[in-house]
Amino acid sequence: MTHWRIAPGVAWVGDAHRVALVDTRRGAQAVPMHVQAPFAALWTALGDGPVAQADLEVAAAGVVDEGEVVAFVASFVESLGGLGVVEEVTP
């Protein structure tokens, strides 16, 4: 089963409505980023460590319509994974 986590070196603060983060691995090139709702709800779900894809879908069910859950989670991990701030892990 696929699991996701916030990448090591990413500092963040926020809640289910908005998150501010910075990838400290980038040193002087680090640029602060903002994650807004509804993505912020999934980000905070990752806050305590790796989360199974199915659990992200449960979290997403609380913020998007039922038929959009799978696509929403895919968009979240694709977008933030592409930035290197969320990564897939093997449990």
Protein backbone atom coordinates (compact mmCIF):
# COMPACT_ATOMS: atom_id res chain seq x y z
CA MET A 1 0.00 0.00 0.00
CA THR A 2 1.27 3.46 -0.89
CA HIS A 3 2.16 5.81 1.97
CA TRP A 4 2.98 9.52 1.80
CA ARG A 5 4.84 11.87 4.12
CA ILE A 6 6.10 15.40 4.37
CA ALA A 7 9.66 15.33 3.08
CA PRO A 8 12.45 15.60 5.66
CA GLY A 9 13.72 19.15 5.92
CA VAL A 10 10.36 20.79 5.25
CA ALA A 11 9.40 23.14 8.06
CA TRP A 12 5.77 24.13 8.30
CA VAL A 13 3.07 25.67 10.41
CA GLY A 14 -0.65 25.79 9.81
CA ASP A 15 -4.03 24.16 10.09
CA ALA A 16 -6.64 22.55 7.84
CA HIS A 17 -7.36 25.93 6.21
CA ARG A 18 -3.84 27.10 5.33
CA VAL A 19 -0.25 26.02 5.72
CA ALA A 20 2.99 27.97 5.35
CA LEU A 21 6.06 25.90 4.57
CA VAL A 22 9.67 26.16 3.50
CA ASP A 23 12.00 23.46 2.21
CA THR A 24 15.07 24.06 4.37
CA ARG A 25 17.16 21.69 2.22
CA ARG A 26 17.33 24.44 -0.39
CA GLY A 27 19.37 26.73 1.84
CA ALA A 28 19.55 30.30 0.56
CA GLN A 29 17.33 29.38 -2.40
CA ALA A 30 14.46 28.33 -0.10
CA VAL A 31 11.24 30.11 -0.94
CA PRO A 32 8.28 30.14 1.47
CA MET A 33 5.17 28.47 0.06
CA HIS A 34 1.52 28.53 1.03
CA VAL A 35 -0.90 25.64 0.80
CA GLN A 36 -4.53 26.69 0.97
CA ALA A 37 -7.68 24.70 1.73
CA PRO A 38 -8.66 22.16 0.66
CA PHE A 39 -5.07 20.87 0.09
CA ALA A 40 -4.15 22.14 3.57
CA ALA A 41 -6.47 19.54 5.12
CA LEU A 42 -4.45 16.74 3.52
CA TRP A 43 -1.16 18.40 4.45
CA THR A 44 -2.12 18.48 8.13
CA ALA A 45 -3.12 14.80 7.89
CA LEU A 46 0.54 14.11 7.04
CA GLY A 47 1.74 16.11 10.05
CA ASP A 48 2.19 13.13 12.37
CA GLY A 49 4.12 10.97 9.95
CA PRO A 50 3.55 8.72 6.95
CA VAL A 51 -0.09 8.23 5.97
CA ALA A 52 -1.56 5.49 3.79
CA GLN A 53 -3.15 6.55 0.52
CA ALA A 54 -6.48 5.20 1.79
CA ASP A 55 -6.26 7.39 4.90
CA LEU A 56 -5.58 10.46 2.75
CA GLU A 57 -8.71 9.57 0.82
CA VAL A 58 -10.67 9.43 4.08
CA ALA A 59 -9.34 12.90 4.98
CA ALA A 60 -10.22 14.16 1.51
CA ALA A 61 -13.78 12.87 1.87
CA GLY A 62 -14.32 15.56 4.47
CA VAL A 63 -13.40 18.41 2.14
CA VAL A 64 -14.44 17.43 -1.41
CA ASP A 65 -17.43 15.73 -3.00
CA GLU A 66 -17.48 11.93 -2.84
CA GLY A 67 -16.87 11.45 -6.55
CA GLU A 68 -13.80 13.69 -6.49
CA VAL A 69 -11.84 12.07 -3.64
CA VAL A 70 -9.46 9.86 -5.63
CA ALA A 71 -8.65 12.56 -8.20
CA PHE A 72 -8.20 15.14 -5.44
CA VAL A 73 -5.67 13.01 -3.55
CA ALA A 74 -3.85 12.25 -6.81
CA SER A 75 -3.68 15.97 -7.58
CA PHE A 76 -2.38 16.71 -4.07
CA VAL A 77 0.47 14.19 -4.19
CA GLU A 78 1.32 15.03 -7.81
CA SER A 79 1.43 18.79 -7.18
CA LEU A 80 3.29 18.77 -3.87
CA GLY A 81 5.36 15.73 -4.78
CA GLY A 82 6.49 17.58 -7.89
CA LEU A 83 7.76 20.35 -5.64
CA GLY A 84 9.60 17.80 -3.52
CA VAL A 85 7.79 18.63 -0.29
CA VAL A 86 5.67 15.45 -0.16
CA GLU A 87 7.16 12.05 -0.93
CA GLU A 88 6.14 8.43 -1.23
CA VAL A 89 7.58 6.07 1.38
CA THR A 90 7.62 2.34 1.92
CA PRO A 91 6.15 1.39 5.29
